[in-house]
Amino acid sequence: MQAEAIALINAIEQACDTRALSYGGVGYWPLVRLRLWTTLIQRMVTGKKAADADTVSNTGPAFAATGAAAEPVGPAALGLLRAAGSGATLPARADLLFFARPEEHSDKTASGMFAKVLDSVIERVPGPSAKLELSDPRTIGFSRARPSLFIDLGQAGAGLSFDPPSMLTGFTELKAAADKVADVTLDQAQLATDMGKILYFARIFEKLLRALGPKALVLSVYYHLVGMAWMLACRRAGVTSVDLQHGRLGPHHGLYTDLIAAPETGYDLMPDRVWCWGSRTVDDIARHMNPACTRHRGFAGGNAWLYKWRYGDASAFAPPALAEFTARLRGSRVILVSLQPLDTPAPPALLEAMRRAPPDWFWLLRLHPLRRHTAPEIAALLARAGVTRFEMDAATTFPLFTLLRLADHHVTAFSSVVVEAAAFDLRTSLTAPEGETIFAPEVARGVCRYTPTGDALLAHIGEVLSGERAPLASDFIDMREGIVDRALTSITDSTAS
């Protein structure tokens, strides 16, 4: 399905001149790509429902105001704050700046919540660095293991000259192509409004970048309005922008791959470089890239979170109730299920297998980090299906790698946990056809298998459990010792491209 979506996007690129799409001198095609990709994937994948499937609410989390006190830090003109008592400091200079979103802080430690993708890199930076977030009274108060500085947009933007409102050049031709090729109707007013927001944020971020003078800005998941604004600000300030891989991107991803129409100097709203888990993702990005484009390419930096668990000290992430939980699982065959943000997160085949499974099989249902608030709906869905031998709370709140160490098998629709599970020598059953396509190399190696029915899922799990747990030698994540540190050196080296 991803390949089909990309094919439609590429066909639109052939049907109109996407390089002529401009708003105030900034090319807006990457924003359109985001809109097209989101719409097409919702249509083809995330919103797809089987006739007999039970559904849940598929909306993102909401945060309640904490009422936490904030205090200024650094020069007043920068508009930076810290949560009172957090101890966050602004170094005199920062080799690297990191931008985080509150929802990325998903793993609990005694010292606060840990943003596994970003914080596991931050703690290995040899020189000074700082982590930034937008100031928001709903999220500033929860404790972070690695504290953030918060940007007060009003104060940071005081005295700035912002880009004036503009027009979307080339929109008529673009709209006609999107309608004809992909049956997607683009909203001109919404696109113009969103581009205006990007340019507004970008002026504030550019001011911060010029004042703090980092060599690079690092974030994970750039494809939202604030992220794209950081990309534009970096381009204007001459700072390298780096996107950290957060999951398996796959051979076709609308925001990273198949950039056949990319200009030679790249897009202003996309990252200069992509930190990839391994060479396969680097190749996926490069395979259908305009060969003349010098930006948006990947480099192998490994998975810093997994690297921490293999080479570092992960004791701070051991849940207090781990011993009790482990004892509870003793004598059971443990199947970890990674649910995804789909309208049908638990397909009929999975529910049937859970209901008919042998009594010594125990299921750990892990909710997607952005869908933890749907736990009551999932519990009700399981009750309607007659499923009883499962655990959801601990399976959702415990660190993923703790669960992979406890599990005997893994099940998912097409989550990137497939390749992380393989690093723990766990095989996976795939319940969605998209998984068979996305993980075709893993299927060929026997790391996973497509199991579309309850019978097929039970048979595959039973086959795996009856055999020995042998090393899978998955090569998707480069786990060579030192790879994370070498990647950081390549970013901070002023000669890096």
Protein backbone atom coordinates (compact mmCIF):
# COMPACT_ATOMS: atom_id res chain seq x y z
CA MET A 1 0.00 0.00 0.00
CA GLN A 2 2.86 2.40 0.76
CA ALA A 3 4.30 1.75 -2.69
CA GLU A 4 0.91 2.54 -4.24
CA ALA A 5 0.71 5.80 -2.30
CA ILE A 6 4.22 6.79 -3.36
CA ALA A 7 3.43 5.93 -6.99
CA LEU A 8 0.49 8.34 -6.91
CA ILE A 9 2.61 11.09 -5.34
CA ASN A 10 5.34 10.57 -7.94
CA ALA A 11 2.72 10.67 -10.70
CA ILE A 12 1.59 14.08 -9.42
CA GLU A 13 5.23 15.20 -9.50
CA GLN A 14 5.33 14.18 -13.16
CA ALA A 15 2.03 15.89 -13.94
CA CYS A 16 2.98 19.34 -12.64
CA ASP A 17 6.11 21.32 -11.93
CA THR A 18 6.46 20.92 -8.16
CA ARG A 19 9.59 23.09 -8.13
CA ALA A 20 7.42 26.04 -9.15
CA LEU A 21 5.28 25.70 -6.00
CA SER A 22 6.24 28.58 -3.75
CA TYR A 23 4.87 30.57 -0.82
CA GLY A 24 6.84 33.71 0.01
CA GLY A 25 9.90 32.28 -1.73
CA VAL A 26 9.73 28.93 0.11
CA GLY A 27 8.86 25.76 -1.79
CA TYR A 28 5.75 24.21 -0.27
CA TRP A 29 5.78 20.83 -2.05
CA PRO A 30 7.02 18.92 1.06
CA LEU A 31 3.96 20.17 2.96
CA VAL A 32 1.75 18.98 0.11
CA ARG A 33 3.55 15.62 0.18
CA LEU A 34 2.68 15.38 3.87
CA ARG A 35 -0.98 16.11 3.16
CA LEU A 36 -1.11 13.60 0.29
CA TRP A 37 0.73 10.88 2.22
CA THR A 38 -1.48 11.30 5.30
CA THR A 39 -4.66 11.16 3.22
CA LEU A 40 -3.60 8.19 1.10
CA ILE A 41 -2.32 6.12 4.03
CA GLN A 42 -5.50 6.83 5.98
CA ARG A 43 -7.50 5.71 2.97
CA MET A 44 -5.42 2.60 2.21
CA VAL A 45 -4.10 1.49 5.60
CA THR A 46 -4.92 3.13 8.93
CA GLY A 47 -8.61 3.72 8.23
CA LYS A 48 -9.21 0.40 6.49
CA LYS A 49 -11.81 -1.74 8.28
CA ALA A 50 -12.76 -5.37 7.85
CA ALA A 51 -16.49 -5.99 7.66
CA ASP A 52 -16.50 -7.90 10.97
CA ALA A 53 -13.87 -5.78 12.76
CA ASP A 54 -14.40 -4.03 16.09
CA THR A 55 -13.08 -0.45 16.06
CA VAL A 56 -11.86 2.11 18.60
CA SER A 57 -11.27 5.85 18.61
CA ASN A 58 -8.12 6.61 16.60
CA THR A 59 -7.29 10.09 17.82
CA GLY A 60 -4.17 11.46 19.47
CA PRO A 61 -3.68 12.12 23.19
CA ALA A 62 -4.73 15.27 25.02
CA PHE A 63 -2.73 16.85 27.83
CA ALA A 64 -4.21 18.46 30.94
CA ALA A 65 -2.69 21.66 32.33
CA THR A 66 -0.27 21.00 35.17
CA GLY A 67 -0.06 24.52 36.55
CA ALA A 68 3.70 24.14 36.93
CA ALA A 69 5.80 27.23 37.54
CA ALA A 70 8.38 28.28 34.96
CA GLU A 71 11.34 30.63 35.29
CA PRO A 72 13.48 32.43 32.69
CA VAL A 73 16.91 31.16 31.79
CA GLY A 74 19.53 32.78 29.56
CA PRO A 75 19.19 36.16 27.80
CA ALA A 76 15.66 37.53 28.09
CA ALA A 77 15.49 38.23 24.34
CA LEU A 78 15.66 34.49 23.59
CA GLY A 79 12.48 33.80 25.54
CA LEU A 80 13.74 30.58 27.10
CA LEU A 81 12.19 29.11 30.23
CA ARG A 82 12.77 26.10 32.46
CA ALA A 83 10.42 24.27 34.76
CA ALA A 84 11.05 25.48 38.30
CA GLY A 85 13.44 23.13 40.04
CA SER A 86 14.34 21.21 36.87
CA GLY A 87 17.96 22.35 36.86
CA ALA A 88 17.95 22.88 33.08
CA THR A 89 20.77 25.17 32.00
CA LEU A 90 21.70 26.98 28.81
CA PRO A 91 25.38 26.40 27.95
CA ALA A 92 27.47 29.31 26.76
CA ARG A 93 27.64 27.47 23.47
CA ALA A 94 26.01 24.27 22.29
CA ASP A 95 27.53 22.03 19.64
CA LEU A 96 24.14 20.41 19.15
CA LEU A 97 20.59 21.56 19.77
CA PHE A 98 17.83 18.99 20.08
CA PHE A 99 14.13 19.66 19.61
CA ALA A 100 11.65 17.38 21.38
CA ARG A 101 7.88 17.05 21.57
CA PRO A 102 6.28 16.22 24.93
CA GLU A 103 4.79 12.94 23.67
CA GLU A 104 8.26 11.61 22.92
CA HIS A 105 8.91 11.27 26.68
CA SER A 106 7.37 7.81 26.93
CA ASP A 107 9.66 5.79 29.23
CA LYS A 108 9.61 6.20 32.99
CA THR A 109 12.68 6.36 35.23
CA ALA A 110 13.12 7.34 38.87
CA SER A 111 14.41 10.76 37.74
CA GLY A 112 11.62 11.47 35.28
CA MET A 113 10.31 10.60 31.83
CA PHE A 114 12.85 9.66 29.16
CA ALA A 115 12.52 10.50 25.44
CA LYS A 116 14.13 7.30 24.22
CA VAL A 117 14.95 8.33 20.65
CA LEU A 118 16.42 11.73 21.49
CA ASP A 119 17.65 11.37 25.07
CA SER A 120 19.63 8.21 24.29
CA VAL A 121 21.57 10.28 21.74
CA ILE A 122 21.85 13.37 23.93
CA GLU A 123 23.54 11.47 26.74
CA ARG A 124 26.33 10.42 24.35
CA VAL A 125 27.10 13.92 23.02
CA PRO A 126 30.71 14.65 24.08
CA GLY A 127 30.35 18.45 24.01
CA PRO A 128 27.73 20.91 25.27
CA SER A 129 24.17 20.52 24.04
CA ALA A 130 20.65 21.64 24.93
CA LYS A 131 17.18 20.17 24.45
CA LEU A 132 14.38 22.56 23.47
CA GLU A 133 10.61 22.26 23.49
CA LEU A 134 7.78 24.71 22.91
CA SER A 135 6.43 26.22 26.10
CA ASP A 136 3.02 24.78 26.91
CA PRO A 137 1.37 24.95 30.35
CA ARG A 138 -0.16 21.52 29.72
CA THR A 139 3.18 19.75 29.41
CA ILE A 140 5.90 21.88 30.97
CA GLY A 141 5.36 20.44 34.44
CA PHE A 142 5.98 16.70 34.14
CA SER A 143 9.45 15.62 35.22
CA ARG A 144 11.92 14.80 32.48
CA ALA A 145 14.98 12.60 33.03
CA ARG A 146 16.95 14.99 30.83
CA PRO A 147 15.38 18.43 31.40
CA SER A 148 14.33 20.70 28.57
CA LEU A 149 14.43 24.42 27.96
CA PHE A 150 11.09 25.80 26.77
CA ILE A 151 10.59 28.44 24.07
CA ASP A 152 8.09 31.16 24.93
CA LEU A 153 7.01 32.09 21.41
CA GLY A 154 5.64 35.50 22.37
CA GLN A 155 8.79 36.60 24.16
CA ALA A 156 11.18 35.00 21.68
CA GLY A 157 9.33 36.65 18.80
CA ALA A 158 9.29 40.12 20.29
CA GLY A 159 10.80 42.67 17.90
CA LEU A 160 11.14 40.25 14.99
CA SER A 161 10.12 41.09 11.47
CA PHE A 162 8.00 38.21 10.20
CA ASP A 163 7.37 37.15 6.62
CA PRO A 164 4.31 38.92 5.18
CA PRO A 165 1.29 36.87 4.02
CA SER A 166 1.81 35.46 0.55
CA MET A 167 0.14 33.43 -2.20
CA LEU A 168 0.57 29.78 -3.20
CA THR A 169 2.10 29.95 -6.67
CA GLY A 170 1.27 27.06 -8.99
CA PHE A 171 -1.65 25.87 -6.87
CA THR A 172 -4.24 25.64 -9.68
CA GLU A 173 -2.10 23.19 -11.66
CA LEU A 174 -1.22 21.26 -8.49
CA LYS A 175 -4.84 20.95 -7.39
CA ALA A 176 -5.90 19.64 -10.80
CA ALA A 177 -3.12 17.02 -10.75
CA ALA A 178 -3.97 15.86 -7.20
CA ASP A 179 -7.66 15.57 -8.09
CA LYS A 180 -7.04 13.67 -11.32
CA VAL A 181 -4.19 11.39 -10.24
CA ALA A 182 -4.96 10.61 -6.62
CA ASP A 183 -8.55 11.74 -6.09
CA VAL A 184 -7.34 14.02 -3.29
CA THR A 185 -8.77 17.52 -2.94
CA LEU A 186 -6.22 19.99 -1.60
CA ASP A 187 -7.43 22.91 0.50
CA GLN A 188 -5.79 26.11 -0.73
CA ALA A 189 -6.75 28.22 2.28
CA GLN A 190 -5.50 25.60 4.75
CA LEU A 191 -2.20 25.16 2.93
CA ALA A 192 -1.63 28.91 2.86
CA THR A 193 -2.47 29.18 6.57
CA ASP A 194 -0.08 26.34 7.41
CA MET A 195 2.72 27.86 5.34
CA GLY A 196 2.18 31.13 7.19
CA LYS A 197 2.57 29.29 10.51
CA ILE A 198 5.76 27.58 9.29
CA LEU A 199 7.28 30.92 8.30
CA TYR A 200 6.26 32.46 11.64
CA PHE A 201 7.87 29.66 13.68
CA ALA A 202 10.91 29.67 11.40
CA ARG A 203 11.76 33.32 12.12
CA ILE A 204 11.73 32.65 15.87
CA PHE A 205 13.81 29.48 15.51
CA GLU A 206 16.25 31.24 13.19
CA LYS A 207 16.78 33.89 15.87
CA LEU A 208 17.57 31.17 18.44
CA LEU A 209 19.93 29.35 16.07
CA ARG A 210 21.88 32.50 15.28
CA ALA A 211 22.15 33.39 18.97
CA LEU A 212 23.18 29.92 20.15
CA GLY A 213 25.35 29.03 17.14
CA PRO A 214 25.04 25.21 17.10
CA LYS A 215 26.65 23.08 14.44
CA ALA A 216 23.44 21.09 14.00
CA LEU A 217 19.81 20.86 15.07
CA VAL A 218 18.61 17.30 15.74
CA LEU A 219 15.01 16.14 16.05
CA SER A 220 12.97 13.00 15.48
CA VAL A 221 10.04 13.20 13.06
CA TYR A 222 10.32 16.49 11.18
CA TYR A 223 7.06 16.22 9.25
CA HIS A 224 4.76 18.54 11.15
CA LEU A 225 4.45 22.33 11.00
CA VAL A 226 6.89 23.05 13.83
CA GLY A 227 9.38 20.49 12.54
CA MET A 228 9.29 21.90 9.03
CA ALA A 229 9.78 25.37 10.50
CA TRP A 230 12.96 24.14 12.19
CA MET A 231 14.16 22.78 8.83
CA LEU A 232 13.57 26.16 7.18
CA ALA A 233 15.22 28.04 10.06
CA CYS A 234 18.28 25.81 9.84
CA ARG A 235 18.56 26.43 6.10
CA ARG A 236 18.35 30.18 6.63
CA ALA A 237 20.84 30.17 9.51
CA GLY A 238 23.32 27.82 7.83
CA VAL A 239 22.88 25.11 10.48
CA THR A 240 22.78 21.41 9.52
CA SER A 241 19.43 19.76 10.25
CA VAL A 242 19.29 16.06 11.18
CA ASP A 243 16.23 13.82 11.55
CA LEU A 244 16.66 10.76 13.81
CA GLN A 245 15.03 7.59 12.51
CA HIS A 246 12.20 6.68 14.90
CA GLY A 247 10.96 3.44 13.34
CA ARG A 248 11.24 1.33 10.24
CA LEU A 249 10.66 3.79 7.40
CA GLY A 250 10.43 1.02 4.83
CA PRO A 251 11.40 1.13 1.16
CA HIS A 252 8.61 3.63 0.47
CA HIS A 253 7.79 6.50 2.82
CA GLY A 254 6.25 9.73 1.60
CA LEU A 255 8.37 11.98 3.79
CA TYR A 256 11.79 10.35 3.23
CA THR A 257 11.98 8.23 0.08
CA ASP A 258 11.25 8.43 -3.65
CA LEU A 259 12.23 12.09 -3.91
CA ILE A 260 12.44 11.87 -7.69
CA ALA A 261 11.70 15.58 -8.23
CA ALA A 262 13.93 17.00 -5.49
CA PRO A 263 15.89 20.10 -6.56
CA GLU A 264 19.69 19.86 -6.63
CA THR A 265 19.90 21.96 -3.45
CA GLY A 266 17.02 20.12 -1.80
CA TYR A 267 13.83 21.31 -0.18
CA ASP A 268 13.80 24.06 2.48
CA LEU A 269 11.25 22.16 4.58
CA MET A 270 13.11 18.83 4.79
CA PRO A 271 16.15 17.74 6.84
CA ASP A 272 19.64 17.95 5.40
CA ARG A 273 20.52 14.49 6.71
CA VAL A 274 18.66 11.47 8.09
CA TRP A 275 20.26 9.42 10.88
CA CYS A 276 19.33 5.84 9.92
CA TRP A 277 19.41 2.65 11.97
CA GLY A 278 21.42 0.88 9.30
CA SER A 279 22.50 0.69 5.68
CA ARG A 280 19.21 -0.71 4.41
CA THR A 281 17.35 2.48 5.29
CA VAL A 282 20.21 4.55 3.83
CA ASP A 283 19.73 2.60 0.59
CA ASP A 284 15.93 2.93 0.71
CA ILE A 285 16.28 6.72 0.88
CA ALA A 286 18.86 6.88 -1.92
CA ARG A 287 17.28 4.37 -4.30
CA HIS A 288 14.79 6.68 -5.99
CA MET A 289 16.28 10.02 -5.05
CA ASN A 290 17.08 12.53 -7.78
CA PRO A 291 20.82 11.74 -8.12
CA ALA A 292 21.64 15.43 -8.49
CA CYS A 293 20.14 16.28 -5.08
CA THR A 294 22.80 16.64 -2.39
CA ARG A 295 20.50 16.80 0.66
CA HIS A 296 17.97 14.61 2.49
CA ARG A 297 20.24 11.57 2.31
CA GLY A 298 20.74 9.02 5.05
CA PHE A 299 23.77 7.87 7.01
CA ALA A 300 24.09 4.86 9.31
CA GLY A 301 24.14 5.83 12.98
CA GLY A 302 22.52 2.82 14.63
CA ASN A 303 19.65 2.82 17.10
CA ALA A 304 20.96 4.69 20.15
CA TRP A 305 18.16 3.41 22.42
CA LEU A 306 18.88 -0.22 21.56
CA TYR A 307 22.61 0.53 21.73
CA LYS A 308 22.13 1.72 25.32
CA TRP A 309 20.51 -1.59 26.25
CA ARG A 310 23.27 -3.62 24.63
CA TYR A 311 26.38 -1.64 25.62
CA GLY A 312 25.30 0.79 28.35
CA ASP A 313 23.52 0.83 31.69
CA ALA A 314 19.74 0.46 31.41
CA SER A 315 19.17 -0.32 35.09
CA ALA A 316 17.36 2.99 35.61
CA PHE A 317 14.56 1.70 33.39
CA ALA A 318 13.80 -1.42 35.43
CA PRO A 319 10.19 -1.00 36.65
CA PRO A 320 9.74 -1.38 40.41
CA ALA A 321 7.19 -4.15 39.81
CA LEU A 322 9.38 -6.09 37.36
CA ALA A 323 10.18 -8.98 39.72
CA GLU A 324 6.53 -9.44 40.62
CA PHE A 325 5.51 -9.22 36.95
CA THR A 326 8.17 -11.73 35.90
CA ALA A 327 7.00 -14.15 38.58
CA ARG A 328 3.45 -13.80 37.31
CA LEU A 329 4.56 -14.88 33.84
CA ARG A 330 6.53 -17.89 35.06
CA GLY A 331 5.33 -21.10 33.41
CA SER A 332 3.62 -19.25 30.55
CA ARG A 333 4.60 -18.83 26.91
CA VAL A 334 4.59 -15.07 26.48
CA ILE A 335 3.40 -13.44 23.26
CA LEU A 336 3.96 -9.69 22.94
CA VAL A 337 1.50 -7.86 20.69
CA SER A 338 2.48 -4.39 19.42
CA LEU A 339 -0.74 -2.57 18.62
CA GLN A 340 -0.74 0.36 16.22
CA PRO A 341 -2.75 3.58 15.78
CA LEU A 342 -5.29 1.98 13.45
CA ASP A 343 -9.07 2.22 13.39
CA THR A 344 -8.99 -1.56 13.87
CA PRO A 345 -6.02 -2.08 16.21
CA ALA A 346 -6.97 -5.68 17.08
CA PRO A 347 -8.11 -7.44 13.90
CA PRO A 348 -10.51 -10.40 14.00
CA ALA A 349 -7.68 -12.91 13.32
CA LEU A 350 -5.80 -11.75 16.41
CA LEU A 351 -8.88 -11.84 18.62
CA GLU A 352 -9.73 -15.33 17.39
CA ALA A 353 -6.21 -16.57 18.09
CA MET A 354 -6.19 -15.05 21.57
CA ARG A 355 -9.52 -16.65 22.38
CA ARG A 356 -8.52 -20.12 21.09
CA ALA A 357 -4.90 -20.16 22.29
CA PRO A 358 -3.63 -22.93 24.63
CA PRO A 359 -4.10 -22.09 28.32
CA ASP A 360 -0.35 -21.67 28.93
CA TRP A 361 -0.07 -18.86 26.38
CA PHE A 362 -0.18 -15.37 27.90
CA TRP A 363 -0.62 -12.24 25.79
CA LEU A 364 1.01 -8.87 26.49
CA LEU A 365 -0.88 -6.14 24.61
CA ARG A 366 1.26 -3.03 24.18
CA LEU A 367 -0.62 0.09 23.12
CA HIS A 368 1.02 2.55 20.77
CA PRO A 369 2.56 5.47 22.76
CA LEU A 370 0.10 7.91 21.16
CA ARG A 371 -2.92 5.69 21.86
CA ARG A 372 -2.46 4.84 25.54
CA HIS A 373 -5.61 6.80 26.33
CA THR A 374 -7.65 4.22 24.38
CA ALA A 375 -6.89 1.47 26.94
CA PRO A 376 -10.53 1.36 28.25
CA GLU A 377 -11.84 0.95 24.69
CA ILE A 378 -9.33 -1.82 23.95
CA ALA A 379 -10.23 -3.59 27.21
CA ALA A 380 -13.92 -3.41 26.29
CA LEU A 381 -13.14 -4.74 22.80
CA LEU A 382 -11.29 -7.72 24.29
CA ALA A 383 -14.14 -8.40 26.70
CA ARG A 384 -16.64 -8.44 23.82
CA ALA A 385 -14.38 -10.94 22.05
CA GLY A 386 -14.19 -13.19 25.10
CA VAL A 387 -10.44 -12.78 25.59
CA THR A 388 -9.21 -13.11 29.19
CA ARG A 389 -5.54 -14.18 29.38
CA PHE A 390 -3.82 -10.89 28.69
CA GLU A 391 -2.04 -7.99 30.39
CA MET A 392 -2.20 -4.46 29.02
CA ASP A 393 -1.16 -1.99 31.73
CA ALA A 394 2.36 -3.29 32.41
CA ALA A 395 2.79 -4.24 28.75
CA THR A 396 2.17 -0.61 27.82
CA THR A 397 4.09 1.16 30.59
CA PHE A 398 7.16 -1.10 30.88
CA PRO A 399 10.06 -0.31 28.50
CA LEU A 400 9.74 -2.19 25.22
CA PHE A 401 13.11 -3.88 25.57
CA THR A 402 12.21 -5.21 29.01
CA LEU A 403 9.21 -6.89 27.41
CA LEU A 404 11.23 -8.25 24.50
CA ARG A 405 13.53 -9.95 27.00
CA LEU A 406 10.52 -11.61 28.63
CA ALA A 407 8.64 -12.59 25.47
CA ASP A 408 8.76 -15.81 23.46
CA HIS A 409 7.13 -14.41 20.32
CA HIS A 410 5.96 -11.12 18.81
CA VAL A 411 2.80 -10.20 16.89
CA THR A 412 1.93 -6.99 15.07
CA ALA A 413 0.21 -5.61 11.98
CA PHE A 414 3.32 -3.86 10.61
CA SER A 415 5.00 -2.08 13.53
CA SER A 416 8.73 -1.34 13.36
CA VAL A 417 9.03 -3.37 16.58
CA VAL A 418 9.56 -6.26 14.13
CA VAL A 419 13.19 -5.27 13.59
CA GLU A 420 13.75 -4.38 17.24
CA ALA A 421 12.33 -7.76 18.27
CA ALA A 422 14.69 -9.45 15.80
CA ALA A 423 17.60 -7.82 17.63
CA PHE A 424 16.42 -9.87 20.64
CA ASP A 425 16.09 -13.00 18.45
CA LEU A 426 12.30 -12.86 18.52
CA ARG A 427 10.28 -13.87 15.46
CA THR A 428 7.12 -12.02 14.48
CA SER A 429 3.69 -12.93 13.12
CA LEU A 430 2.30 -10.19 10.84
CA THR A 431 -1.48 -9.76 10.87
CA ALA A 432 -1.76 -7.20 8.03
CA PRO A 433 -0.86 -7.51 4.34
CA GLU A 434 1.08 -4.24 4.62
CA GLY A 435 3.44 -6.03 6.99
CA GLU A 436 4.22 -8.69 4.41
CA THR A 437 5.19 -5.96 1.94
CA ILE A 438 7.09 -3.72 4.33
CA PHE A 439 9.05 -6.58 5.85
CA ALA A 440 9.57 -8.60 2.68
CA PRO A 441 13.32 -9.06 3.41
CA GLU A 442 12.53 -10.27 6.95
CA VAL A 443 9.84 -12.61 5.61
CA ALA A 444 12.36 -14.05 3.14
CA ARG A 445 14.81 -14.67 6.00
CA GLY A 446 12.20 -16.34 8.17
CA VAL A 447 12.29 -13.56 10.75
CA CYS A 448 8.54 -13.06 10.31
CA ARG A 449 5.54 -14.52 8.50
CA TYR A 450 2.24 -13.11 7.27
CA THR A 451 -0.59 -14.77 9.21
CA PRO A 452 -3.92 -13.38 7.95
CA THR A 453 -6.23 -15.78 9.80
CA GLY A 454 -6.62 -17.03 13.33
CA ASP A 455 -5.57 -20.51 12.25
CA ALA A 456 -2.45 -19.21 10.50
CA LEU A 457 -1.49 -17.08 13.51
CA LEU A 458 -1.93 -19.97 15.97
CA ALA A 459 0.03 -22.29 13.69
CA HIS A 460 2.96 -19.91 13.30
CA ILE A 461 3.22 -19.12 16.99
CA GLY A 462 2.96 -22.81 17.85
CA GLU A 463 5.70 -23.66 15.35
CA VAL A 464 8.03 -21.02 16.78
CA LEU A 465 7.35 -21.99 20.40
CA SER A 466 8.03 -25.65 19.68
CA GLY A 467 11.50 -24.88 18.31
CA GLU A 468 14.67 -23.51 19.84
CA ARG A 469 15.22 -19.77 20.09
CA ALA A 470 18.10 -19.31 17.67
CA PRO A 471 19.99 -16.09 16.78
CA LEU A 472 18.28 -14.34 13.87
CA ALA A 473 21.28 -12.27 12.76
CA SER A 474 19.06 -9.43 11.57
CA ASP A 475 21.07 -6.75 9.77
CA PHE A 476 18.45 -3.99 9.71
CA ILE A 477 19.88 -2.20 12.77
CA ASP A 478 23.63 -1.63 12.72
CA MET A 479 24.78 -2.52 16.23
CA ARG A 480 28.55 -2.30 15.80
CA GLU A 481 30.17 -0.92 18.91
CA GLY A 482 31.01 2.77 18.56
CA ILE A 483 28.60 3.47 15.70
CA VAL A 484 26.53 6.02 17.67
CA ASP A 485 29.63 7.98 18.68
CA ARG A 486 30.96 7.93 15.12
CA ALA A 487 27.62 9.28 13.89
CA LEU A 488 27.79 12.14 16.39
CA THR A 489 31.30 12.96 15.22
CA SER A 490 30.09 13.09 11.62
CA ILE A 491 27.40 15.58 12.61
CA THR A 492 29.61 17.89 14.64
CA ASP A 493 32.47 17.78 12.14
CA SER A 494 32.21 21.13 10.37
CA THR A 495 33.29 19.48 7.11
CA ALA A 496 30.35 17.04 7.11
CA SER A 497 27.98 17.54 4.24
